[in-house]
Every structure is written in structure tokens, then in C-alpha cells.
């Protein structure tokens, strides 16, 4: 099926821009994109083993769509986890420490090219010490695009985004009192969790919204989510890429536990709030 190229007008740039890296088609395709949807794919084996009470962690996979002003969409990236099978199982018992690796494939127009690598190394994390960080590498040039860190916070979900030189670029915050965290359900305000994204200078940069895809998926695989990213206040492709990676990092950190699995890290799975408390 033919795809439609999206040609939205690039928004005005607010705040500072990241260090410049070599441009590639995978980065250039983000320049005029103002909204993106990230859809996580469910894995039947993982769902079945979770229902049996002993979930086997399978590789996470996501499709990334650029959304047009008229509602049309075009797939631009396919995100697939590369972590080894045995290492993946560590995420259930040691989510703060377990490493993972992810490839981001550039798929616009039928392509299938490795564009970016996400690497979250193993760390000995405890409370505010050695907080988890994911590094983003631009594969064609080998340059570091930036990194995202999950700093220690008592209640809220907070994330810091740095450019390739380690300079603060953006920050994201999700309030702990949202119904989607306290009482997750597949409808109404309980179906979503919102993260506001700001530049390091305090200006609005965008918004990330996690949403339950459907009632059926929530019943059998409540760890499968969709993410809508509004990036209308960012004009540079690197910042937009960082927002897309943020959605993957958020999913790995706080929304990858299936509540049907009663064998886990020892804490309650009734809501992401319990997981937030366990990971701080």
C-alpha cells in the first residue's frame, strides 16, 4: 500500500537546541513532524505465560507513526528490543539494574535501515544512587545523539534529557495524582497518563500521553500501551527523536509489568503507583 509523505509546516523553535550531529534520512524525516504515535505490539506467548502466573519476558516491539493534520499517518520507525533472552528475565526481579538494548529501524517508504541504537547498561541502582540512563547513538555516523535519565523523585515520574555533550536539553514530568496511575482502567481519564515536556530553560516543548489501546488488550495484556507525542514546539529533529525515545524509556521503566503475572518482584501489581514506589 502506498504511503503518503507528510509535509506539515515546521513550528517555531523555542529554547536552546542540542549539539548538531550528522543528518541522515532517519533524522530528516522528523523535521516537519508535529505529532507522533507509538504503538506497542502485544506478544501472545508473553500474554499466555502471564495468565499462567509465570510471565516470560519477550522482546518489546513498537511501531512509530508520523501523524498528519488531516488524521493520516505514516510509519517512520520500527523499534525492536535486542536484549538476550536470559537478560530480559532480569527485568522482572531487578528492574532498576537490568540492562537492555533496542534497535530503531527507519521504515519510511518501505525502507528497513538500522538508524539508532538505544543502550541501557547494567547499573547497581539504589534509591538516588546510580539512576538508570539510556544512551542514544546515531548508527550511520556513530555519534551520540543524547541520553535520558530517570532521576530520583519521591512521588512524581520525572525524566531528564541531555544532548550528546551532556548538556541539559529537556525534562519531562508526570504528576503522581493522575487517575491513570492511581486507578488504571481502559476508559475515560483512568486510561491515560500525561507527561509535560519542557526545555531546560522552562519553555513548553511538547507532551507525552500514555493511553490504554483498548479494553480487550487491557484485560489480557495491560502492559501494552500506546503513546501520543505532541512535539509542535520543537523544530530540531534531535529533540523530536529524544521525545520518541522517552516514550520507550517510560514504557520500560514503569509500564512493562503485566498484572496477570503473580510472580514478580515481590511488590503489588495493582497499579503503576506501586511500581513507582518500588523503583524509587
C-alpha atoms as a PDB file:
ATOM      1  CA  UNK A   1       0.000   0.000   0.000  1.00  0.00           C
ATOM      2  CA  UNK A   2       1.389   3.387  -0.953  1.00  0.00           C
ATOM      3  CA  UNK A   3       2.356   5.731   1.836  1.00  0.00           C
ATOM      4  CA  UNK A   4       1.686   9.431   1.922  1.00  0.00           C
ATOM      5  CA  UNK A   5       4.528  11.822   2.692  1.00  0.00           C
ATOM      6  CA  UNK A   6       3.604  14.241   5.482  1.00  0.00           C
ATOM      7  CA  UNK A   7       4.527  17.865   4.854  1.00  0.00           C
ATOM      8  CA  UNK A   8       3.366  19.850   7.865  1.00  0.00           C
ATOM      9  CA  UNK A   9       4.865  23.292   8.306  1.00  0.00           C
ATOM     10  CA  UNK A  10       7.802  23.287  10.728  1.00  0.00           C
ATOM     11  CA  UNK A  11       6.973  25.065  14.016  1.00  0.00           C
ATOM     12  CA  UNK A  12       8.858  27.904  15.576  1.00  0.00           C
ATOM     13  CA  UNK A  13      11.828  26.873  17.684  1.00  0.00           C
ATOM     14  CA  UNK A  14      11.643  27.654  21.407  1.00  0.00           C
ATOM     15  CA  UNK A  15      14.589  27.440  23.757  1.00  0.00           C
ATOM     16  CA  UNK A  16      18.034  26.024  23.100  1.00  0.00           C
ATOM     17  CA  UNK A  17      18.864  23.389  20.507  1.00  0.00           C
ATOM     18  CA  UNK A  18      21.051  20.291  21.036  1.00  0.00           C
ATOM     19  CA  UNK A  19      24.553  19.761  19.712  1.00  0.00           C
ATOM     20  CA  UNK A  20      24.440  19.242  15.959  1.00  0.00           C
ATOM     21  CA  UNK A  21      25.162  15.777  14.553  1.00  0.00           C
ATOM     22  CA  UNK A  22      25.381  14.455  11.005  1.00  0.00           C
ATOM     23  CA  UNK A  23      21.953  14.473   9.385  1.00  0.00           C
ATOM     24  CA  UNK A  24      20.508  11.331   7.817  1.00  0.00           C
ATOM     25  CA  UNK A  25      17.139  10.489   6.229  1.00  0.00           C
ATOM     26  CA  UNK A  26      16.031   8.974   9.545  1.00  0.00           C
ATOM     27  CA  UNK A  27      16.576  12.305  11.306  1.00  0.00           C
ATOM     28  CA  UNK A  28      15.439  14.472   8.414  1.00  0.00           C
ATOM     29  CA  UNK A  29      12.035  12.746   8.293  1.00  0.00           C
ATOM     30  CA  UNK A  30      11.247  14.232  11.724  1.00  0.00           C
ATOM     31  CA  UNK A  31      11.888  17.838  10.775  1.00  0.00           C
ATOM     32  CA  UNK A  32       8.313  18.679   9.730  1.00  0.00           C
ATOM     33  CA  UNK A  33       6.507  16.246  12.037  1.00  0.00           C
ATOM     34  CA  UNK A  34       4.416  17.812  14.810  1.00  0.00           C
ATOM     35  CA  UNK A  35       2.759  14.699  16.254  1.00  0.00           C
ATOM     36  CA  UNK A  36       3.778  11.051  16.594  1.00  0.00           C
ATOM     37  CA  UNK A  37       2.027   7.919  17.822  1.00  0.00           C
ATOM     38  CA  UNK A  38       3.987   4.991  19.259  1.00  0.00           C
ATOM     39  CA  UNK A  39       2.098   1.690  19.293  1.00  0.00           C
ATOM     40  CA  UNK A  40       3.409  -1.213  21.354  1.00  0.00           C
ATOM     41  CA  UNK A  41       2.858  -4.688  19.916  1.00  0.00           C
ATOM     42  CA  UNK A  42       1.446  -7.441  22.119  1.00  0.00           C
ATOM     43  CA  UNK A  43       3.231 -10.804  22.267  1.00  0.00           C
ATOM     44  CA  UNK A  44       0.919 -13.823  22.552  1.00  0.00           C
ATOM     45  CA  UNK A  45       3.488 -16.013  24.336  1.00  0.00           C
ATOM     46  CA  UNK A  46       4.139 -13.329  26.940  1.00  0.00           C
ATOM     47  CA  UNK A  47       0.392 -12.830  27.473  1.00  0.00           C
ATOM     48  CA  UNK A  48      -0.207 -16.593  27.824  1.00  0.00           C
ATOM     49  CA  UNK A  49       2.595 -17.122  30.346  1.00  0.00           C
ATOM     50  CA  UNK A  50       1.424 -14.083  32.359  1.00  0.00           C
ATOM     51  CA  UNK A  51      -2.070 -15.574  32.576  1.00  0.00           C
ATOM     52  CA  UNK A  52      -0.469 -18.774  33.902  1.00  0.00           C
ATOM     53  CA  UNK A  53       1.261 -16.736  36.610  1.00  0.00           C
ATOM     54  CA  UNK A  54       4.856 -17.050  35.366  1.00  0.00           C
ATOM     55  CA  UNK A  55       5.410 -14.414  32.697  1.00  0.00           C
ATOM     56  CA  UNK A  56       8.264 -14.944  30.246  1.00  0.00           C
ATOM     57  CA  UNK A  57       9.626 -11.569  29.154  1.00  0.00           C
ATOM     58  CA  UNK A  58       9.693 -11.336  25.364  1.00  0.00           C
ATOM     59  CA  UNK A  59      11.333  -8.637  23.254  1.00  0.00           C
ATOM     60  CA  UNK A  60       9.367  -5.371  23.291  1.00  0.00           C
ATOM     61  CA  UNK A  61       8.381  -4.032  19.877  1.00  0.00           C
ATOM     62  CA  UNK A  62       6.867  -0.708  18.820  1.00  0.00           C
ATOM     63  CA  UNK A  63       5.657   0.921  15.610  1.00  0.00           C
ATOM     64  CA  UNK A  64       6.149   4.682  15.301  1.00  0.00           C
ATOM     65  CA  UNK A  65       3.770   6.700  13.103  1.00  0.00           C
ATOM     66  CA  UNK A  66       4.013  10.321  11.995  1.00  0.00           C
ATOM     67  CA  UNK A  67       0.542  11.876  12.207  1.00  0.00           C
ATOM     68  CA  UNK A  68      -0.720  14.368   9.629  1.00  0.00           C
ATOM     69  CA  UNK A  69      -3.017  17.333  10.215  1.00  0.00           C
ATOM     70  CA  UNK A  70      -5.855  15.537   8.430  1.00  0.00           C
ATOM     71  CA  UNK A  71      -5.584  12.370  10.512  1.00  0.00           C
ATOM     72  CA  UNK A  72      -3.471  10.433   8.004  1.00  0.00           C
ATOM     73  CA  UNK A  73      -0.473   8.567   9.352  1.00  0.00           C
ATOM     74  CA  UNK A  74       2.744   7.094   8.026  1.00  0.00           C
ATOM     75  CA  UNK A  75       5.061   4.575   9.670  1.00  0.00           C
ATOM     76  CA  UNK A  76       8.555   6.009  10.036  1.00  0.00           C
ATOM     77  CA  UNK A  77      10.254   3.774  12.620  1.00  0.00           C
ATOM     78  CA  UNK A  78      10.069   0.224  13.922  1.00  0.00           C
ATOM     79  CA  UNK A  79      11.550  -0.231  17.401  1.00  0.00           C
ATOM     80  CA  UNK A  80      12.622  -3.714  18.497  1.00  0.00           C
ATOM     81  CA  UNK A  81      14.387  -4.875  21.647  1.00  0.00           C
ATOM     82  CA  UNK A  82      17.644  -6.809  21.158  1.00  0.00           C
ATOM     83  CA  UNK A  83      18.254  -7.894  24.763  1.00  0.00           C
ATOM     84  CA  UNK A  84      19.169 -11.576  25.185  1.00  0.00           C
ATOM     85  CA  UNK A  85      16.501 -13.949  26.494  1.00  0.00           C
ATOM     86  CA  UNK A  86      18.125 -14.642  29.880  1.00  0.00           C
ATOM     87  CA  UNK A  87      18.939 -10.969  30.460  1.00  0.00           C
ATOM     88  CA  UNK A  88      15.327  -9.974  29.660  1.00  0.00           C
ATOM     89  CA  UNK A  89      14.061 -12.096  32.559  1.00  0.00           C
ATOM     90  CA  UNK A  90      16.071  -9.950  34.985  1.00  0.00           C
ATOM     91  CA  UNK A  91      13.657  -7.073  34.340  1.00  0.00           C
ATOM     92  CA  UNK A  92      11.037  -8.842  36.484  1.00  0.00           C
ATOM     93  CA  UNK A  93      13.203  -9.176  39.597  1.00  0.00           C
ATOM     94  CA  UNK A  94      15.777  -6.370  39.144  1.00  0.00           C
ATOM     95  CA  UNK A  95      14.090  -3.687  37.004  1.00  0.00           C
ATOM     96  CA  UNK A  96      16.362  -0.921  38.281  1.00  0.00           C
ATOM     97  CA  UNK A  97      19.575  -2.774  37.464  1.00  0.00           C
ATOM     98  CA  UNK A  98      18.819  -4.926  34.411  1.00  0.00           C
ATOM     99  CA  UNK A  99      20.397  -3.814  31.098  1.00  0.00           C
ATOM    100  CA  UNK A 100      18.619  -3.718  27.753  1.00  0.00           C
ATOM    101  CA  UNK A 101      19.383  -2.857  24.137  1.00  0.00           C
ATOM    102  CA  UNK A 102      16.995  -1.604  21.469  1.00  0.00           C
ATOM    103  CA  UNK A 103      17.348  -1.040  17.717  1.00  0.00           C
ATOM    104  CA  UNK A 104      15.387   1.680  15.941  1.00  0.00           C
ATOM    105  CA  UNK A 105      14.794   0.833  12.291  1.00  0.00           C
ATOM    106  CA  UNK A 106      13.993   3.565   9.760  1.00  0.00           C
ATOM    107  CA  UNK A 107      10.989   2.225   7.807  1.00  0.00           C
ATOM    108  CA  UNK A 108       9.547   5.223   5.952  1.00  0.00           C
ATOM    109  CA  UNK A 109       8.647   4.430   2.337  1.00  0.00           C
ATOM    110  CA  UNK A 110       9.266   0.701   2.733  1.00  0.00           C
ATOM    111  CA  UNK A 111      12.842   1.028   3.984  1.00  0.00           C
ATOM    112  CA  UNK A 112      14.357  -1.179   6.680  1.00  0.00           C
ATOM    113  CA  UNK A 113      17.562   0.523   7.813  1.00  0.00           C
ATOM    114  CA  UNK A 114      19.157   0.497  11.242  1.00  0.00           C
ATOM    115  CA  UNK A 115      19.099   4.171  12.252  1.00  0.00           C
ATOM    116  CA  UNK A 116      19.605   4.380  16.028  1.00  0.00           C
ATOM    117  CA  UNK A 117      20.658   2.198  18.928  1.00  0.00           C
ATOM    118  CA  UNK A 118      19.406   2.593  22.491  1.00  0.00           C
ATOM    119  CA  UNK A 119      21.653   1.163  25.193  1.00  0.00           C
ATOM    120  CA  UNK A 120      20.722   0.960  28.838  1.00  0.00           C
ATOM    121  CA  UNK A 121      23.773  -0.519  30.632  1.00  0.00           C
ATOM    122  CA  UNK A 122      23.591  -2.581  33.804  1.00  0.00           C
ATOM    123  CA  UNK A 123      23.789  -0.409  36.936  1.00  0.00           C
ATOM    124  CA  UNK A 124      23.712  -1.073  40.658  1.00  0.00           C
ATOM    125  CA  UNK A 125      20.857   1.304  41.397  1.00  0.00           C
ATOM    126  CA  UNK A 126      19.603   2.030  44.900  1.00  0.00           C
ATOM    127  CA  UNK A 127      17.274   4.961  45.605  1.00  0.00           C
ATOM    128  CA  UNK A 128      19.134   8.101  44.454  1.00  0.00           C
ATOM    129  CA  UNK A 129      22.382   6.318  43.564  1.00  0.00           C
ATOM    130  CA  UNK A 130      23.273   5.221  40.014  1.00  0.00           C
ATOM    131  CA  UNK A 131      19.927   6.119  38.485  1.00  0.00           C
ATOM    132  CA  UNK A 132      19.032   4.400  35.160  1.00  0.00           C
ATOM    133  CA  UNK A 133      20.236   6.074  31.944  1.00  0.00           C
ATOM    134  CA  UNK A 134      19.656   5.178  28.291  1.00  0.00           C
ATOM    135  CA  UNK A 135      22.137   6.357  25.643  1.00  0.00           C
ATOM    136  CA  UNK A 136      21.045   7.083  22.065  1.00  0.00           C
ATOM    137  CA  UNK A 137      23.526   6.530  19.212  1.00  0.00           C
ATOM    138  CA  UNK A 138      23.122   7.638  15.588  1.00  0.00           C
ATOM    139  CA  UNK A 139      24.240   4.480  13.769  1.00  0.00           C
ATOM    140  CA  UNK A 140      25.188   5.938  10.329  1.00  0.00           C
ATOM    141  CA  UNK A 141      27.691   8.370  11.868  1.00  0.00           C
ATOM    142  CA  UNK A 142      28.415   6.654  15.193  1.00  0.00           C
ATOM    143  CA  UNK A 143      27.700   9.935  17.020  1.00  0.00           C
ATOM    144  CA  UNK A 144      25.908  10.140  20.340  1.00  0.00           C
ATOM    145  CA  UNK A 145      22.552  11.892  19.965  1.00  0.00           C
ATOM    146  CA  UNK A 146      21.963  12.198  23.694  1.00  0.00           C
ATOM    147  CA  UNK A 147      20.814  10.366  26.795  1.00  0.00           C
ATOM    148  CA  UNK A 148      17.776  10.159  29.060  1.00  0.00           C
ATOM    149  CA  UNK A 149      17.980   9.700  32.824  1.00  0.00           C
ATOM    150  CA  UNK A 150      15.350   8.737  35.359  1.00  0.00           C
ATOM    151  CA  UNK A 151      16.357  10.835  38.391  1.00  0.00           C
ATOM    152  CA  UNK A 152      15.246  10.022  41.921  1.00  0.00           C
ATOM    153  CA  UNK A 153      11.879  11.533  42.871  1.00  0.00           C
ATOM    154  CA  UNK A 154       9.720  10.882  45.911  1.00  0.00           C
ATOM    155  CA  UNK A 155       6.363  10.860  44.103  1.00  0.00           C
ATOM    156  CA  UNK A 156       6.240  12.178  40.528  1.00  0.00           C
ATOM    157  CA  UNK A 157       7.576  10.437  37.424  1.00  0.00           C
ATOM    158  CA  UNK A 158      10.424  12.648  36.210  1.00  0.00           C
ATOM    159  CA  UNK A 159      12.940  12.320  33.366  1.00  0.00           C
ATOM    160  CA  UNK A 160      15.940  14.400  32.301  1.00  0.00           C
ATOM    161  CA  UNK A 161      17.101  14.571  28.666  1.00  0.00           C
ATOM    162  CA  UNK A 162      20.661  15.576  27.754  1.00  0.00           C
ATOM    163  CA  UNK A 163      22.314  16.159  24.388  1.00  0.00           C
ATOM    164  CA  UNK A 164      25.404  14.332  23.146  1.00  0.00           C
ATOM    165  CA  UNK A 165      27.688  16.614  25.157  1.00  0.00           C
ATOM    166  CA  UNK A 166      25.800  16.001  28.398  1.00  0.00           C
ATOM    167  CA  UNK A 167      24.164  19.447  28.477  1.00  0.00           C
ATOM    168  CA  UNK A 168      20.593  19.620  29.795  1.00  0.00           C
ATOM    169  CA  UNK A 169      18.140  19.719  26.894  1.00  0.00           C
ATOM    170  CA  UNK A 170      14.636  18.913  28.175  1.00  0.00           C
ATOM    171  CA  UNK A 171      12.814  17.492  31.161  1.00  0.00           C
ATOM    172  CA  UNK A 172       9.540  15.603  31.487  1.00  0.00           C
ATOM    173  CA  UNK A 173       7.224  15.265  34.467  1.00  0.00           C
ATOM    174  CA  UNK A 174       4.163  13.161  35.136  1.00  0.00           C
ATOM    175  CA  UNK A 175       2.208  14.016  38.282  1.00  0.00           C
ATOM    176  CA  UNK A 176       1.652  11.143  40.713  1.00  0.00           C
ATOM    177  CA  UNK A 177      -2.012  12.038  41.367  1.00  0.00           C
ATOM    178  CA  UNK A 178      -3.277  11.166  37.874  1.00  0.00           C
ATOM    179  CA  UNK A 179      -6.115   8.626  37.727  1.00  0.00           C
ATOM    180  CA  UNK A 180      -4.223   6.655  35.067  1.00  0.00           C
ATOM    181  CA  UNK A 181      -1.564   5.926  37.690  1.00  0.00           C
ATOM    182  CA  UNK A 182      -3.728   5.509  40.779  1.00  0.00           C
ATOM    183  CA  UNK A 183      -6.617   3.635  39.164  1.00  0.00           C
ATOM    184  CA  UNK A 184      -5.697   2.430  35.642  1.00  0.00           C
ATOM    185  CA  UNK A 185      -8.739   1.446  33.578  1.00  0.00           C
ATOM    186  CA  UNK A 186      -9.377   1.233  29.807  1.00  0.00           C
ATOM    187  CA  UNK A 187     -11.762   4.200  29.651  1.00  0.00           C
ATOM    188  CA  UNK A 188     -12.055   7.891  30.494  1.00  0.00           C
ATOM    189  CA  UNK A 189      -9.341   9.754  32.428  1.00  0.00           C
ATOM    190  CA  UNK A 190      -8.237   6.465  34.016  1.00  0.00           C
ATOM    191  CA  UNK A 191      -6.954   5.307  30.622  1.00  0.00           C
ATOM    192  CA  UNK A 192      -4.177   7.866  30.244  1.00  0.00           C
ATOM    193  CA  UNK A 193      -1.103   9.269  31.946  1.00  0.00           C
ATOM    194  CA  UNK A 194       0.248  12.651  30.824  1.00  0.00           C
ATOM    195  CA  UNK A 195       3.844  13.872  30.883  1.00  0.00           C
ATOM    196  CA  UNK A 196       4.553  17.541  30.245  1.00  0.00           C
ATOM    197  CA  UNK A 197       7.850  18.182  28.439  1.00  0.00           C
ATOM    198  CA  UNK A 198       9.786  21.417  28.923  1.00  0.00           C
ATOM    199  CA  UNK A 199      13.024  22.839  27.610  1.00  0.00           C
ATOM    200  CA  UNK A 200      15.853  23.190  30.105  1.00  0.00           C
ATOM    201  CA  UNK A 201      15.067  26.921  30.041  1.00  0.00           C
ATOM    202  CA  UNK A 202      11.466  26.266  31.167  1.00  0.00           C
ATOM    203  CA  UNK A 203       9.591  26.812  27.874  1.00  0.00           C
ATOM    204  CA  UNK A 204       6.968  24.328  26.714  1.00  0.00           C
ATOM    205  CA  UNK A 205       8.444  21.718  24.355  1.00  0.00           C
ATOM    206  CA  UNK A 206       5.698  19.117  23.978  1.00  0.00           C
ATOM    207  CA  UNK A 207       3.577  16.492  25.656  1.00  0.00           C
ATOM    208  CA  UNK A 208       3.665  12.717  26.028  1.00  0.00           C
ATOM    209  CA  UNK A 209       0.418  10.866  26.743  1.00  0.00           C
ATOM    210  CA  UNK A 210       0.308   7.148  27.567  1.00  0.00           C
ATOM    211  CA  UNK A 211      -3.039   5.620  26.673  1.00  0.00           C
ATOM    212  CA  UNK A 212      -4.570   2.165  27.029  1.00  0.00           C
ATOM    213  CA  UNK A 213      -5.158   0.976  23.425  1.00  0.00           C
ATOM    214  CA  UNK A 214      -8.390  -0.991  24.018  1.00  0.00           C
ATOM    215  CA  UNK A 215     -10.459  -2.773  26.648  1.00  0.00           C
ATOM    216  CA  UNK A 216      -9.551  -6.212  25.244  1.00  0.00           C
ATOM    217  CA  UNK A 217      -5.811  -5.571  25.366  1.00  0.00           C
ATOM    218  CA  UNK A 218      -6.107  -4.122  28.864  1.00  0.00           C
ATOM    219  CA  UNK A 219      -7.851  -7.269  30.128  1.00  0.00           C
ATOM    220  CA  UNK A 220      -5.234  -9.686  28.821  1.00  0.00           C
ATOM    221  CA  UNK A 221      -2.095  -7.540  28.371  1.00  0.00           C
ATOM    222  CA  UNK A 222      -2.332  -4.403  30.487  1.00  0.00           C
ATOM    223  CA  UNK A 223       1.383  -3.780  29.951  1.00  0.00           C
ATOM    224  CA  UNK A 224       0.763  -2.965  26.264  1.00  0.00           C
ATOM    225  CA  UNK A 225       0.245   0.754  25.711  1.00  0.00           C
ATOM    226  CA  UNK A 226       0.130   3.435  23.032  1.00  0.00           C
ATOM    227  CA  UNK A 227       1.897   6.781  23.333  1.00  0.00           C
ATOM    228  CA  UNK A 228       0.873  10.020  21.675  1.00  0.00           C
ATOM    229  CA  UNK A 229       3.653  12.605  21.440  1.00  0.00           C
ATOM    230  CA  UNK A 230       2.960  16.248  20.639  1.00  0.00           C
ATOM    231  CA  UNK A 231       6.175  17.963  19.526  1.00  0.00           C
ATOM    232  CA  UNK A 232       4.788  21.144  17.986  1.00  0.00           C
ATOM    233  CA  UNK A 233       7.184  23.429  19.877  1.00  0.00           C
ATOM    234  CA  UNK A 234      10.346  21.619  18.780  1.00  0.00           C
ATOM    235  CA  UNK A 235      11.841  22.229  15.342  1.00  0.00           C
ATOM    236  CA  UNK A 236      15.132  20.301  15.528  1.00  0.00           C
ATOM    237  CA  UNK A 237      14.944  16.569  14.664  1.00  0.00           C
ATOM    238  CA  UNK A 238      17.203  15.538  17.565  1.00  0.00           C
ATOM    239  CA  UNK A 239      14.803  16.892  20.195  1.00  0.00           C
ATOM    240  CA  UNK A 240      11.914  15.118  18.467  1.00  0.00           C
ATOM    241  CA  UNK A 241      13.866  11.860  18.419  1.00  0.00           C
ATOM    242  CA  UNK A 242      14.559  12.279  22.136  1.00  0.00           C
ATOM    243  CA  UNK A 243      10.797  12.546  22.781  1.00  0.00           C
ATOM    244  CA  UNK A 244      10.179   9.307  20.862  1.00  0.00           C
ATOM    245  CA  UNK A 245      12.911   7.527  22.814  1.00  0.00           C
ATOM    246  CA  UNK A 246      11.417   8.961  26.016  1.00  0.00           C
ATOM    247  CA  UNK A 247       8.180   7.063  25.339  1.00  0.00           C
ATOM    248  CA  UNK A 248      10.126   3.792  25.031  1.00  0.00           C
ATOM    249  CA  UNK A 249      12.134   4.533  28.183  1.00  0.00           C
ATOM    250  CA  UNK A 250       8.968   5.393  30.126  1.00  0.00           C
ATOM    251  CA  UNK A 251       7.370   2.141  28.983  1.00  0.00           C
ATOM    252  CA  UNK A 252      10.381   0.056  30.012  1.00  0.00           C
ATOM    253  CA  UNK A 253      10.646   1.776  33.377  1.00  0.00           C
ATOM    254  CA  UNK A 254       7.042   1.907  34.604  1.00  0.00           C
ATOM    255  CA  UNK A 255       4.547   0.205  32.295  1.00  0.00           C
ATOM    256  CA  UNK A 256       6.028  -3.167  31.311  1.00  0.00           C
ATOM    257  CA  UNK A 257       4.624  -5.328  34.128  1.00  0.00           C
ATOM    258  CA  UNK A 258       1.557  -7.454  33.336  1.00  0.00           C
ATOM    259  CA  UNK A 259      -0.691  -7.529  36.422  1.00  0.00           C
ATOM    260  CA  UNK A 260      -1.889 -11.018  35.454  1.00  0.00           C
ATOM    261  CA  UNK A 261       1.529 -12.291  36.484  1.00  0.00           C
ATOM    262  CA  UNK A 262       1.514 -13.035  40.228  1.00  0.00           C
ATOM    263  CA  UNK A 263       5.205 -13.936  40.257  1.00  0.00           C
ATOM    264  CA  UNK A 264       7.297 -10.783  40.086  1.00  0.00           C
ATOM    265  CA  UNK A 265       9.497  -8.542  42.072  1.00  0.00           C
ATOM    266  CA  UNK A 266       7.599  -9.016  45.320  1.00  0.00           C
ATOM    267  CA  UNK A 267       5.585  -5.784  45.256  1.00  0.00           C
ATOM    268  CA  UNK A 268       1.940  -5.246  44.489  1.00  0.00           C
ATOM    269  CA  UNK A 269       0.947  -5.024  40.806  1.00  0.00           C
ATOM    270  CA  UNK A 270      -2.438  -3.374  41.366  1.00  0.00           C
ATOM    271  CA  UNK A 271      -1.310  -0.098  39.766  1.00  0.00           C
ATOM    272  CA  UNK A 272       1.770   1.669  38.363  1.00  0.00           C
ATOM    273  CA  UNK A 273       1.861   3.687  41.604  1.00  0.00           C
ATOM    274  CA  UNK A 274       3.045   0.553  43.413  1.00  0.00           C
ATOM    275  CA  UNK A 275       5.724   0.071  40.789  1.00  0.00           C
ATOM    276  CA  UNK A 276       6.752   3.719  41.141  1.00  0.00           C
ATOM    277  CA  UNK A 277       7.249   3.290  44.884  1.00  0.00           C
ATOM    278  CA  UNK A 278       9.194   0.062  44.360  1.00  0.00           C
ATOM    279  CA  UNK A 279      11.531   1.656  41.802  1.00  0.00           C
ATOM    280  CA  UNK A 280      12.365   4.774  43.809  1.00  0.00           C
END
